Each structure stands twice: as C-alpha cells, then as structure tokens.
Amino acid sequence: MFSPEVLELLKQVITSWQVIAVTIAVILYIYIVSYAARSYRRPRAIKKPKIKLKKVKAASVAGPEEAGQGTNTNEELGLEEA
C-alpha cells in the first residue's frame, strides 16, 4: 500500500525528539487540566428567603371593592344611608 520510502520517512518523523517532546507535553497538559477540573468544587449558593408579596395578599383579602369588581356594599346589604 505504501512504498518503503514513505514508511521509512514516517518512522523517522514519529521517532524524532520534537514529536516525542510535544506528545509528552500534551499528555501532561491534559492530565493537569483534568486533575484541576476534578478537584474544583463550586461554592454552595446561599439560599435567599422567599419574599412574601404583601400586595397580592392584601388585594385578595380586601375584597371586590378594591379590585374594582363590586358595587357599593350598602346596596348589596339593603341598607339605607342616614
């Protein structure tokens, strides 16, 4: 498939000290990065207390007058003003 010249050239390239040095450097880099990623822990988030919405509760407790849905309560009860 390959000629003997190409195989000899490929052997020389793979066994050169530059290729071996770069390969070792890349392997060490990957090892250090993976070690740092494994040892890193994010700080736990502080849970904030939920803010109660007083306006929503006040509107629901106040009744239909403040919500704009009702009429005069005296008319509903059949009372007359003096």
Protein backbone atom coordinates (compact mmCIF):
# COMPACT_ATOMS: atom_id res chain seq x y z
CA MET A 1 0.00 0.00 0.00
CA PHE A 2 2.78 2.47 0.96
CA SER A 3 6.16 2.48 -0.64
CA PRO A 4 9.16 1.65 1.58
CA GLU A 5 10.38 5.25 1.31
CA VAL A 6 7.14 6.61 2.82
CA LEU A 7 7.24 4.08 5.65
CA GLU A 8 10.87 4.99 6.44
CA LEU A 9 10.04 8.71 6.44
CA LEU A 10 7.03 8.11 8.71
CA LYS A 11 9.22 6.13 11.12
CA GLN A 12 11.76 8.95 11.26
CA VAL A 13 9.06 11.57 11.91
CA ILE A 14 7.39 9.58 14.70
CA THR A 15 10.68 8.79 16.45
CA SER A 16 12.08 12.35 16.26
CA TRP A 17 12.67 14.02 19.61
CA GLN A 18 10.43 17.01 18.74
CA VAL A 19 7.38 14.83 18.16
CA ILE A 20 8.03 12.83 21.32
CA ALA A 21 8.52 16.02 23.40
CA VAL A 22 5.31 17.61 22.10
CA THR A 23 3.37 14.39 22.70
CA ILE A 24 4.57 14.21 26.30
CA ALA A 25 3.78 17.91 26.82
CA VAL A 26 0.22 17.48 25.52
CA ILE A 27 -0.36 14.42 27.71
CA LEU A 28 0.90 16.29 30.80
CA TYR A 29 -1.28 19.29 29.96
CA ILE A 30 -4.39 17.12 29.63
CA TYR A 31 -3.55 15.37 32.91
CA ILE A 32 -3.12 18.66 34.80
CA VAL A 33 -6.31 20.18 33.38
CA SER A 34 -8.37 17.10 34.20
CA TYR A 35 -6.92 17.00 37.74
CA ALA A 36 -7.83 20.65 38.30
CA ALA A 37 -11.32 20.10 36.94
CA ARG A 38 -11.89 17.12 39.23
CA SER A 39 -10.64 18.94 42.33
CA TYR A 40 -12.60 22.16 41.75
CA ARG A 41 -15.85 22.46 43.67
CA ARG A 42 -18.18 25.37 43.21
CA PRO A 43 -19.19 27.16 46.38
CA ARG A 44 -22.69 26.41 47.53
CA ALA A 45 -25.19 29.08 46.68
CA ILE A 46 -26.74 30.85 49.63
CA LYS A 47 -30.47 30.36 49.53
CA LYS A 48 -32.32 33.61 49.90
CA PRO A 49 -35.56 33.60 51.87
CA LYS A 50 -38.60 33.95 49.70
CA ILE A 51 -40.11 37.42 49.73
CA LYS A 52 -43.79 37.31 50.54
CA LEU A 53 -45.87 39.51 48.34
CA LYS A 54 -47.92 41.64 50.71
CA LYS A 55 -49.67 43.46 47.88
CA VAL A 56 -51.08 40.28 46.41
CA LYS A 57 -52.33 39.08 49.78
CA ALA A 58 -53.79 42.49 50.64
CA ALA A 59 -55.72 42.64 47.36
CA SER A 60 -57.17 39.18 47.81
CA VAL A 61 -58.15 39.81 51.45
CA ALA A 62 -59.54 43.32 50.81
CA GLY A 63 -62.38 42.06 48.67
CA PRO A 64 -64.01 43.11 45.44
CA GLU A 65 -64.19 46.85 46.22
CA GLU A 66 -60.50 47.48 45.88
CA ALA A 67 -60.21 45.10 42.98
CA GLY A 68 -62.80 47.18 41.08
CA GLN A 69 -65.32 44.36 40.64
CA GLY A 70 -68.03 45.19 43.18
CA THR A 71 -70.58 47.90 43.80
CA ASN A 72 -71.48 49.72 46.97
CA THR A 73 -71.76 47.31 49.91
CA ASN A 74 -74.69 49.23 51.38
CA GLU A 75 -76.75 48.46 48.28
CA GLU A 76 -75.87 44.79 48.43
CA LEU A 77 -76.92 44.55 52.07
CA GLY A 78 -80.09 46.60 51.56
CA LEU A 79 -79.03 49.33 53.96
CA GLU A 80 -80.01 52.96 53.65
CA GLU A 81 -77.74 55.87 54.37
CA ALA A 82 -78.90 58.30 57.02
